[in-house]
C-alpha atoms as a PDB file:
ATOM      1  CA  UNK A   1     -16.047 -31.985  22.077  1.00  0.00           C
ATOM      2  CA  UNK A   2     -18.127 -31.182  19.000  1.00  0.00           C
ATOM      3  CA  UNK A   3     -18.658 -27.610  20.217  1.00  0.00           C
ATOM      4  CA  UNK A   4     -14.912 -27.120  20.736  1.00  0.00           C
ATOM      5  CA  UNK A   5     -14.233 -28.482  17.262  1.00  0.00           C
ATOM      6  CA  UNK A   6     -16.737 -26.050  15.728  1.00  0.00           C
ATOM      7  CA  UNK A   7     -15.122 -23.154  17.589  1.00  0.00           C
ATOM      8  CA  UNK A   8     -11.674 -24.217  16.325  1.00  0.00           C
ATOM      9  CA  UNK A   9     -12.936 -24.464  12.729  1.00  0.00           C
ATOM     10  CA  UNK A  10     -14.562 -21.022  13.018  1.00  0.00           C
ATOM     11  CA  UNK A  11     -11.351 -19.462  14.351  1.00  0.00           C
ATOM     12  CA  UNK A  12      -9.339 -21.122  11.590  1.00  0.00           C
ATOM     13  CA  UNK A  13     -11.783 -19.779   9.000  1.00  0.00           C
ATOM     14  CA  UNK A  14     -11.295 -16.265  10.397  1.00  0.00           C
ATOM     15  CA  UNK A  15      -7.520 -16.731  10.199  1.00  0.00           C
ATOM     16  CA  UNK A  16      -7.734 -17.765   6.533  1.00  0.00           C
ATOM     17  CA  UNK A  17      -9.947 -14.751   5.820  1.00  0.00           C
ATOM     18  CA  UNK A  18      -7.524 -12.411   7.571  1.00  0.00           C
ATOM     19  CA  UNK A  19      -4.449 -13.763   5.785  1.00  0.00           C
ATOM     20  CA  UNK A  20      -6.122 -13.495   2.396  1.00  0.00           C
ATOM     21  CA  UNK A  21      -7.163  -9.894   2.967  1.00  0.00           C
ATOM     22  CA  UNK A  22      -3.932  -8.725   4.606  1.00  0.00           C
ATOM     23  CA  UNK A  23      -1.840  -9.761   1.630  1.00  0.00           C
ATOM     24  CA  UNK A  24      -4.472  -8.727  -0.906  1.00  0.00           C
ATOM     25  CA  UNK A  25      -2.759 -10.813  -3.586  1.00  0.00           C
ATOM     26  CA  UNK A  26      -4.297 -12.775  -6.402  1.00  0.00           C
ATOM     27  CA  UNK A  27      -5.163 -16.311  -5.324  1.00  0.00           C
ATOM     28  CA  UNK A  28      -3.555 -19.345  -6.934  1.00  0.00           C
ATOM     29  CA  UNK A  29      -7.007 -20.483  -8.073  1.00  0.00           C
ATOM     30  CA  UNK A  30      -7.605 -17.153  -9.810  1.00  0.00           C
ATOM     31  CA  UNK A  31      -4.130 -17.367 -11.329  1.00  0.00           C
ATOM     32  CA  UNK A  32      -4.843 -20.861 -12.597  1.00  0.00           C
ATOM     33  CA  UNK A  33      -8.094 -19.746 -14.219  1.00  0.00           C
ATOM     34  CA  UNK A  34      -6.346 -16.751 -15.805  1.00  0.00           C
ATOM     35  CA  UNK A  35      -3.681 -18.987 -17.347  1.00  0.00           C
ATOM     36  CA  UNK A  36      -6.318 -21.447 -18.574  1.00  0.00           C
ATOM     37  CA  UNK A  37      -8.301 -18.642 -20.207  1.00  0.00           C
ATOM     38  CA  UNK A  38      -5.162 -17.458 -22.008  1.00  0.00           C
ATOM     39  CA  UNK A  39      -4.330 -20.995 -23.134  1.00  0.00           C
ATOM     40  CA  UNK A  40      -7.860 -21.662 -24.370  1.00  0.00           C
ATOM     41  CA  UNK A  41      -7.744 -18.453 -26.403  1.00  0.00           C
ATOM     42  CA  UNK A  42      -4.982 -19.919 -28.581  1.00  0.00           C
ATOM     43  CA  UNK A  43      -6.572 -20.842 -31.895  1.00  0.00           C
ATOM     44  CA  UNK A  44      -9.412 -18.327 -31.437  1.00  0.00           C
ATOM     45  CA  UNK A  45     -10.477 -16.321 -34.472  1.00  0.00           C
ATOM     46  CA  UNK A  46     -10.660 -12.756 -33.227  1.00  0.00           C
ATOM     47  CA  UNK A  47     -13.770 -10.645 -33.567  1.00  0.00           C
ATOM     48  CA  UNK A  48     -13.634  -7.135 -34.964  1.00  0.00           C
ATOM     49  CA  UNK A  49     -13.321  -4.104 -32.696  1.00  0.00           C
ATOM     50  CA  UNK A  50     -13.309  -0.349 -33.157  1.00  0.00           C
ATOM     51  CA  UNK A  51     -10.295   1.302 -31.501  1.00  0.00           C
ATOM     52  CA  UNK A  52      -8.735   4.768 -31.310  1.00  0.00           C
ATOM     53  CA  UNK A  53      -4.972   5.179 -31.636  1.00  0.00           C
ATOM     54  CA  UNK A  54      -2.472   7.577 -30.046  1.00  0.00           C
ATOM     55  CA  UNK A  55      -3.212  10.192 -32.714  1.00  0.00           C
ATOM     56  CA  UNK A  56      -6.963  10.079 -32.115  1.00  0.00           C
ATOM     57  CA  UNK A  57      -7.554   8.133 -35.342  1.00  0.00           C
ATOM     58  CA  UNK A  58     -10.350   5.548 -35.241  1.00  0.00           C
ATOM     59  CA  UNK A  59      -9.671   2.198 -36.885  1.00  0.00           C
ATOM     60  CA  UNK A  60     -10.879  -1.395 -36.830  1.00  0.00           C
ATOM     61  CA  UNK A  61      -8.846  -4.375 -35.648  1.00  0.00           C
ATOM     62  CA  UNK A  62      -9.772  -6.228 -38.848  1.00  0.00           C
ATOM     63  CA  UNK A  63      -7.670  -3.733 -40.844  1.00  0.00           C
ATOM     64  CA  UNK A  64      -4.605  -5.721 -39.752  1.00  0.00           C
ATOM     65  CA  UNK A  65      -5.810  -9.022 -41.158  1.00  0.00           C
ATOM     66  CA  UNK A  66      -5.788 -10.535 -44.629  1.00  0.00           C
ATOM     67  CA  UNK A  67      -2.558  -8.727 -45.556  1.00  0.00           C
ATOM     68  CA  UNK A  68      -0.051 -11.561 -44.994  1.00  0.00           C
ATOM     69  CA  UNK A  69       1.289  -9.900 -41.844  1.00  0.00           C
ATOM     70  CA  UNK A  70       1.198 -11.372 -38.325  1.00  0.00           C
ATOM     71  CA  UNK A  71       0.287  -9.039 -35.467  1.00  0.00           C
ATOM     72  CA  UNK A  72       1.809  -8.748 -31.987  1.00  0.00           C
ATOM     73  CA  UNK A  73      -0.689  -7.560 -29.376  1.00  0.00           C
ATOM     74  CA  UNK A  74      -0.001  -6.508 -25.786  1.00  0.00           C
ATOM     75  CA  UNK A  75      -2.231  -5.031 -23.085  1.00  0.00           C
ATOM     76  CA  UNK A  76      -1.066  -2.353 -20.621  1.00  0.00           C
ATOM     77  CA  UNK A  77      -2.460   0.549 -18.621  1.00  0.00           C
ATOM     78  CA  UNK A  78      -0.721   3.896 -18.882  1.00  0.00           C
ATOM     79  CA  UNK A  79      -0.610   4.724 -15.164  1.00  0.00           C
ATOM     80  CA  UNK A  80       1.422   1.558 -14.518  1.00  0.00           C
ATOM     81  CA  UNK A  81       5.018   2.561 -13.875  1.00  0.00           C
ATOM     82  CA  UNK A  82       6.746  -0.710 -12.980  1.00  0.00           C
ATOM     83  CA  UNK A  83       5.261  -3.874 -14.509  1.00  0.00           C
ATOM     84  CA  UNK A  84       3.786  -2.664 -17.817  1.00  0.00           C
ATOM     85  CA  UNK A  85       7.128  -1.245 -18.976  1.00  0.00           C
ATOM     86  CA  UNK A  86       8.556  -4.780 -18.661  1.00  0.00           C
ATOM     87  CA  UNK A  87       5.994  -5.817 -21.286  1.00  0.00           C
ATOM     88  CA  UNK A  88       6.436  -2.822 -23.577  1.00  0.00           C
ATOM     89  CA  UNK A  89      10.258  -2.738 -23.508  1.00  0.00           C
ATOM     90  CA  UNK A  90      10.836  -6.276 -24.878  1.00  0.00           C
ATOM     91  CA  UNK A  91       7.970  -5.821 -27.346  1.00  0.00           C
ATOM     92  CA  UNK A  92       9.623  -2.695 -28.775  1.00  0.00           C
ATOM     93  CA  UNK A  93      12.988  -4.484 -28.809  1.00  0.00           C
ATOM     94  CA  UNK A  94      11.378  -7.376 -30.704  1.00  0.00           C
ATOM     95  CA  UNK A  95       9.857  -4.879 -33.136  1.00  0.00           C
ATOM     96  CA  UNK A  96      13.220  -3.170 -33.714  1.00  0.00           C
ATOM     97  CA  UNK A  97      15.099  -6.468 -34.098  1.00  0.00           C
ATOM     98  CA  UNK A  98      12.309  -7.887 -36.206  1.00  0.00           C
ATOM     99  CA  UNK A  99      12.444  -4.944 -38.597  1.00  0.00           C
ATOM    100  CA  UNK A 100      16.144  -5.649 -39.186  1.00  0.00           C
ATOM    101  CA  UNK A 101      15.691  -9.405 -39.670  1.00  0.00           C
ATOM    102  CA  UNK A 102      12.246  -9.621 -41.269  1.00  0.00           C
ATOM    103  CA  UNK A 103      11.574  -6.209 -42.705  1.00  0.00           C
ATOM    104  CA  UNK A 104       8.031  -4.948 -43.133  1.00  0.00           C
ATOM    105  CA  UNK A 105       6.420  -8.345 -42.548  1.00  0.00           C
ATOM    106  CA  UNK A 106       4.519  -7.837 -39.296  1.00  0.00           C
ATOM    107  CA  UNK A 107       2.730  -5.229 -37.178  1.00  0.00           C
ATOM    108  CA  UNK A 108       2.447  -4.545 -33.439  1.00  0.00           C
ATOM    109  CA  UNK A 109      -0.364  -3.119 -31.346  1.00  0.00           C
ATOM    110  CA  UNK A 110      -0.412  -2.136 -27.672  1.00  0.00           C
ATOM    111  CA  UNK A 111      -3.878  -1.693 -26.156  1.00  0.00           C
ATOM    112  CA  UNK A 112      -4.590   0.328 -23.024  1.00  0.00           C
ATOM    113  CA  UNK A 113      -7.168  -1.665 -21.065  1.00  0.00           C
ATOM    114  CA  UNK A 114      -7.980   1.030 -18.494  1.00  0.00           C
ATOM    115  CA  UNK A 115     -10.696   2.610 -20.629  1.00  0.00           C
ATOM    116  CA  UNK A 116     -11.451   5.317 -18.078  1.00  0.00           C
ATOM    117  CA  UNK A 117      -7.960   6.859 -18.096  1.00  0.00           C
ATOM    118  CA  UNK A 118      -6.123   5.491 -21.143  1.00  0.00           C
ATOM    119  CA  UNK A 119      -6.945   8.342 -23.508  1.00  0.00           C
ATOM    120  CA  UNK A 120      -5.217   8.782 -26.904  1.00  0.00           C
ATOM    121  CA  UNK A 121      -3.152  11.601 -25.375  1.00  0.00           C
ATOM    122  CA  UNK A 122      -1.930   9.426 -22.504  1.00  0.00           C
ATOM    123  CA  UNK A 123      -1.217   6.557 -24.865  1.00  0.00           C
ATOM    124  CA  UNK A 124       0.872   8.829 -27.073  1.00  0.00           C
ATOM    125  CA  UNK A 125       2.779  10.070 -24.049  1.00  0.00           C
ATOM    126  CA  UNK A 126       3.313   6.478 -22.901  1.00  0.00           C
ATOM    127  CA  UNK A 127       4.414   5.381 -26.376  1.00  0.00           C
ATOM    128  CA  UNK A 128       6.915   8.218 -26.718  1.00  0.00           C
ATOM    129  CA  UNK A 129       8.864   6.800 -23.795  1.00  0.00           C
ATOM    130  CA  UNK A 130       9.796   3.940 -26.084  1.00  0.00           C
ATOM    131  CA  UNK A 131       9.626   5.124 -29.676  1.00  0.00           C
ATOM    132  CA  UNK A 132       9.038   8.092 -31.956  1.00  0.00           C
ATOM    133  CA  UNK A 133       8.073   5.832 -34.853  1.00  0.00           C
ATOM    134  CA  UNK A 134       4.459   4.679 -34.679  1.00  0.00           C
ATOM    135  CA  UNK A 135       4.487   3.128 -38.137  1.00  0.00           C
ATOM    136  CA  UNK A 136       5.352  -0.365 -36.848  1.00  0.00           C
ATOM    137  CA  UNK A 137       3.641  -0.208 -33.482  1.00  0.00           C
ATOM    138  CA  UNK A 138       0.390   1.502 -32.552  1.00  0.00           C
ATOM    139  CA  UNK A 139      -0.933   2.397 -29.116  1.00  0.00           C
ATOM    140  CA  UNK A 140      -4.708   2.304 -28.894  1.00  0.00           C
ATOM    141  CA  UNK A 141      -7.736   2.005 -26.660  1.00  0.00           C
ATOM    142  CA  UNK A 142     -11.497   1.671 -26.930  1.00  0.00           C
ATOM    143  CA  UNK A 143     -14.707   2.026 -24.986  1.00  0.00           C
ATOM    144  CA  UNK A 144     -15.106   0.124 -21.724  1.00  0.00           C
ATOM    145  CA  UNK A 145     -17.452  -2.338 -23.421  1.00  0.00           C
ATOM    146  CA  UNK A 146     -15.023  -2.852 -26.305  1.00  0.00           C
ATOM    147  CA  UNK A 147     -12.078  -3.438 -23.952  1.00  0.00           C
ATOM    148  CA  UNK A 148     -14.054  -5.935 -21.855  1.00  0.00           C
ATOM    149  CA  UNK A 149     -15.027  -7.943 -24.939  1.00  0.00           C
ATOM    150  CA  UNK A 150     -11.603  -7.696 -26.543  1.00  0.00           C
ATOM    151  CA  UNK A 151      -9.631  -8.792 -23.468  1.00  0.00           C
ATOM    152  CA  UNK A 152     -12.005 -11.732 -23.041  1.00  0.00           C
ATOM    153  CA  UNK A 153     -11.481 -12.620 -26.703  1.00  0.00           C
ATOM    154  CA  UNK A 154      -7.703 -12.602 -26.200  1.00  0.00           C
ATOM    155  CA  UNK A 155      -7.887 -14.474 -22.882  1.00  0.00           C
ATOM    156  CA  UNK A 156      -6.190 -11.549 -21.128  1.00  0.00           C
ATOM    157  CA  UNK A 157      -6.715 -11.350 -17.363  1.00  0.00           C
ATOM    158  CA  UNK A 158      -6.874  -8.084 -15.410  1.00  0.00           C
ATOM    159  CA  UNK A 159      -8.356  -7.268 -12.039  1.00  0.00           C
ATOM    160  CA  UNK A 160      -9.007  -3.825 -10.555  1.00  0.00           C
ATOM    161  CA  UNK A 161      -7.319  -3.102  -7.218  1.00  0.00           C
ATOM    162  CA  UNK A 162      -7.204  -0.011  -5.006  1.00  0.00           C
ATOM    163  CA  UNK A 163      -3.672   0.763  -6.229  1.00  0.00           C
ATOM    164  CA  UNK A 164      -4.169  -0.131  -9.910  1.00  0.00           C
ATOM    165  CA  UNK A 165      -4.544  -3.493 -11.650  1.00  0.00           C
ATOM    166  CA  UNK A 166      -3.362  -7.053 -11.247  1.00  0.00           C
ATOM    167  CA  UNK A 167      -2.880  -8.423 -14.740  1.00  0.00           C
ATOM    168  CA  UNK A 168      -1.213 -11.160 -16.726  1.00  0.00           C
ATOM    169  CA  UNK A 169       2.164 -10.450 -18.333  1.00  0.00           C
ATOM    170  CA  UNK A 170       1.369 -11.639 -21.829  1.00  0.00           C
ATOM    171  CA  UNK A 171       1.860 -10.843 -25.499  1.00  0.00           C
ATOM    172  CA  UNK A 172      -0.376 -12.468 -28.096  1.00  0.00           C
ATOM    173  CA  UNK A 173       1.010 -13.499 -31.469  1.00  0.00           C
ATOM    174  CA  UNK A 174      -1.811 -13.371 -34.049  1.00  0.00           C
ATOM    175  CA  UNK A 175      -1.550 -14.850 -37.539  1.00  0.00           C
ATOM    176  CA  UNK A 176      -2.276 -12.969 -40.761  1.00  0.00           C
ATOM    177  CA  UNK A 177      -5.915 -14.103 -40.777  1.00  0.00           C
ATOM    178  CA  UNK A 178      -6.712 -12.879 -37.251  1.00  0.00           C
ATOM    179  CA  UNK A 179      -6.363 -16.127 -35.327  1.00  0.00           C
ATOM    180  CA  UNK A 180      -4.380 -16.242 -32.074  1.00  0.00           C
ATOM    181  CA  UNK A 181      -1.350 -18.383 -32.822  1.00  0.00           C
ATOM    182  CA  UNK A 182       0.489 -18.330 -29.499  1.00  0.00           C
ATOM    183  CA  UNK A 183       0.485 -16.603 -26.123  1.00  0.00           C
ATOM    184  CA  UNK A 184       3.889 -15.518 -24.818  1.00  0.00           C
ATOM    185  CA  UNK A 185       4.116 -15.289 -21.017  1.00  0.00           C
ATOM    186  CA  UNK A 186       6.945 -14.237 -18.789  1.00  0.00           C
ATOM    187  CA  UNK A 187       8.063 -12.497 -15.646  1.00  0.00           C
ATOM    188  CA  UNK A 188      11.060 -11.233 -17.605  1.00  0.00           C
ATOM    189  CA  UNK A 189      10.030 -11.263 -21.246  1.00  0.00           C
ATOM    190  CA  UNK A 190      12.811 -10.963 -23.783  1.00  0.00           C
ATOM    191  CA  UNK A 191      12.898  -9.953 -27.415  1.00  0.00           C
ATOM    192  CA  UNK A 192      13.645 -13.568 -28.385  1.00  0.00           C
ATOM    193  CA  UNK A 193      10.606 -14.865 -26.503  1.00  0.00           C
ATOM    194  CA  UNK A 194       8.461 -12.785 -28.831  1.00  0.00           C
ATOM    195  CA  UNK A 195      10.468 -13.187 -32.034  1.00  0.00           C
ATOM    196  CA  UNK A 196      10.520 -16.995 -31.991  1.00  0.00           C
ATOM    197  CA  UNK A 197       6.763 -17.530 -32.572  1.00  0.00           C
ATOM    198  CA  UNK A 198       6.678 -14.488 -34.867  1.00  0.00           C
ATOM    199  CA  UNK A 199       9.401 -15.967 -37.088  1.00  0.00           C
ATOM    200  CA  UNK A 200       7.593 -19.321 -37.029  1.00  0.00           C
ATOM    201  CA  UNK A 201       4.585 -17.655 -38.636  1.00  0.00           C
ATOM    202  CA  UNK A 202       6.601 -15.683 -41.181  1.00  0.00           C
ATOM    203  CA  UNK A 203       9.110 -18.374 -42.197  1.00  0.00           C
ATOM    204  CA  UNK A 204       7.085 -21.503 -41.459  1.00  0.00           C
ATOM    205  CA  UNK A 205      10.004 -23.006 -39.506  1.00  0.00           C
ATOM    206  CA  UNK A 206       9.344 -24.208 -35.959  1.00  0.00           C
ATOM    207  CA  UNK A 207      12.447 -24.541 -33.712  1.00  0.00           C
ATOM    208  CA  UNK A 208      12.469 -26.968 -30.809  1.00  0.00           C
ATOM    209  CA  UNK A 209      11.548 -25.341 -27.518  1.00  0.00           C
ATOM    210  CA  UNK A 210      11.168 -26.533 -23.960  1.00  0.00           C
ATOM    211  CA  UNK A 211       7.448 -26.481 -23.225  1.00  0.00           C
ATOM    212  CA  UNK A 212       6.339 -23.882 -20.709  1.00  0.00           C
ATOM    213  CA  UNK A 213       5.060 -25.712 -17.641  1.00  0.00           C
ATOM    214  CA  UNK A 214       2.168 -24.735 -15.415  1.00  0.00           C
ATOM    215  CA  UNK A 215       4.682 -23.970 -12.659  1.00  0.00           C
ATOM    216  CA  UNK A 216       6.497 -21.537 -14.985  1.00  0.00           C
ATOM    217  CA  UNK A 217       3.253 -19.740 -15.641  1.00  0.00           C
ATOM    218  CA  UNK A 218       1.903 -19.675 -12.118  1.00  0.00           C
ATOM    219  CA  UNK A 219       5.160 -17.991 -11.027  1.00  0.00           C
ATOM    220  CA  UNK A 220       3.866 -14.899 -12.817  1.00  0.00           C
ATOM    221  CA  UNK A 221       1.594 -14.364  -9.841  1.00  0.00           C
ATOM    222  CA  UNK A 222       4.194 -15.054  -7.161  1.00  0.00           C
ATOM    223  CA  UNK A 223       6.631 -12.286  -7.948  1.00  0.00           C
ATOM    224  CA  UNK A 224       6.860  -8.524  -8.025  1.00  0.00           C
ATOM    225  CA  UNK A 225       8.907  -6.147 -10.131  1.00  0.00           C
ATOM    226  CA  UNK A 226      11.858  -4.479  -8.443  1.00  0.00           C
ATOM    227  CA  UNK A 227      12.557  -1.149 -10.192  1.00  0.00           C
ATOM    228  CA  UNK A 228      15.929  -0.908  -8.451  1.00  0.00           C
ATOM    229  CA  UNK A 229      17.277  -4.010 -10.191  1.00  0.00           C
ATOM    230  CA  UNK A 230      14.978  -4.034 -13.213  1.00  0.00           C
ATOM    231  CA  UNK A 231      14.045  -7.640 -12.437  1.00  0.00           C
ATOM    232  CA  UNK A 232      11.244  -9.641 -10.874  1.00  0.00           C
ATOM    233  CA  UNK A 233      11.868 -10.923  -7.377  1.00  0.00           C
ATOM    234  CA  UNK A 234      10.157 -13.558  -5.280  1.00  0.00           C
ATOM    235  CA  UNK A 235       7.054 -12.209  -3.549  1.00  0.00           C
ATOM    236  CA  UNK A 236       7.515 -13.712  -0.078  1.00  0.00           C
ATOM    237  CA  UNK A 237       4.168 -12.310   1.080  1.00  0.00           C
ATOM    238  CA  UNK A 238       2.350 -14.511  -1.423  1.00  0.00           C
ATOM    239  CA  UNK A 239       4.434 -17.577  -0.586  1.00  0.00           C
ATOM    240  CA  UNK A 240       4.026 -17.004   3.162  1.00  0.00           C
ATOM    241  CA  UNK A 241       0.294 -16.592   2.710  1.00  0.00           C
ATOM    242  CA  UNK A 242       0.086 -19.883   0.798  1.00  0.00           C
ATOM    243  CA  UNK A 243       2.167 -21.711   3.442  1.00  0.00           C
ATOM    244  CA  UNK A 244       0.012 -20.357   6.272  1.00  0.00           C
ATOM    245  CA  UNK A 245      -3.128 -21.476   4.494  1.00  0.00           C
ATOM    246  CA  UNK A 246      -1.643 -24.949   3.915  1.00  0.00           C
ATOM    247  CA  UNK A 247      -0.797 -25.197   7.619  1.00  0.00           C
ATOM    248  CA  UNK A 248      -4.328 -24.122   8.498  1.00  0.00           C
ATOM    249  CA  UNK A 249      -5.768 -26.779   6.190  1.00  0.00           C
ATOM    250  CA  UNK A 250      -3.583 -29.418   7.863  1.00  0.00           C
ATOM    251  CA  UNK A 251      -4.786 -28.256  11.288  1.00  0.00           C
ATOM    252  CA  UNK A 252      -8.381 -28.648  10.153  1.00  0.00           C
ATOM    253  CA  UNK A 253      -7.659 -32.117   8.773  1.00  0.00           C
ATOM    254  CA  UNK A 254      -6.057 -33.284  12.045  1.00  0.00           C
ATOM    255  CA  UNK A 255      -8.760 -31.608  14.172  1.00  0.00           C
ATOM    256  CA  UNK A 256     -11.483 -33.490  12.334  1.00  0.00           C
ATOM    257  CA  UNK A 257      -9.769 -36.750  11.376  1.00  0.00           C
ATOM    258  CA  UNK A 258      -6.764 -36.814  13.737  1.00  0.00           C
ATOM    259  CA  UNK A 259      -7.777 -39.948  15.658  1.00  0.00           C
ATOM    260  CA  UNK A 260      -8.576 -41.832  12.465  1.00  0.00           C
ATOM    261  CA  UNK A 261      -5.197 -40.889  10.978  1.00  0.00           C
ATOM    262  CA  UNK A 262      -3.389 -41.974  14.181  1.00  0.00           C
ATOM    263  CA  UNK A 263      -5.186 -45.334  14.177  1.00  0.00           C
ATOM    264  CA  UNK A 264      -4.344 -45.882  10.533  1.00  0.00           C
ATOM    265  CA  UNK A 265      -0.672 -45.056  11.126  1.00  0.00           C
ATOM    266  CA  UNK A 266      -0.555 -47.372  14.159  1.00  0.00           C
ATOM    267  CA  UNK A 267      -1.715 -50.237  11.966  1.00  0.00           C
ATOM    268  CA  UNK A 268       0.886 -49.486   9.300  1.00  0.00           C
ATOM    269  CA  UNK A 269       3.842 -48.784  11.662  1.00  0.00           C
ATOM    270  CA  UNK A 270       2.816 -49.976  15.161  1.00  0.00           C
ATOM    271  CA  UNK A 271       6.367 -49.943  16.615  1.00  0.00           C
ATOM    272  CA  UNK A 272       7.082 -46.370  15.483  1.00  0.00           C
ATOM    273  CA  UNK A 273       3.827 -45.040  16.932  1.00  0.00           C
ATOM    274  CA  UNK A 274       4.502 -46.723  20.342  1.00  0.00           C
ATOM    275  CA  UNK A 275       8.094 -45.517  20.545  1.00  0.00           C
ATOM    276  CA  UNK A 276       7.003 -41.952  19.643  1.00  0.00           C
END
């Protein structure tokens, strides 16, 4: 009996391993840690970093601070053709709308986190898809070491895959002194999502908002971008993988503690157990 149980547990373990590797998706635990890291970064005073912009000009992150201007920061990689544009597009829309409403009272910076391929030339080419005016928004990158430290500082999650990167859809709103004020998440970010915390910093007024729940945030890792519709759609592979793993866990529980559970249920509802 014990031998059979061990064989069953071993086979179930192999099934879990197979499911995880077939789908190759980010785990819910990893997603949870990524969201926590981003949340914990709120309130962090940023360190200084040396970056190079789309024109090949070297500058320091600290140049943005102490000038009474908040800073919007996003992270992308230039070879991304589907998800990263859904971060850049609303950011540029927020910049354009913000210029009309707020004038020259903020700056924006997009950082390429793939240090090996995100060269100034590629960043300029990427930026030109969205704007010809780099006075309000800059596209920049840094050394691999700088990017690793900077993304950790911002609480930005990215993970190398064979096809590219898994990463968090996030824009950081930084106050004039260089402290992260708020992280903006979203599967379908809008200009308003970004402008609301930006205007809070500039005007000092804080509108009432529904708090973003953990479920809202974890959905970022359960969807994929559909270029045909321009929207995120449910990633059934991830959901199916989670359901299969839950079923497997239940099988393990009943294989190990099935008799105990049956006895307990018979004491609570003896008539139902007999009739079943």
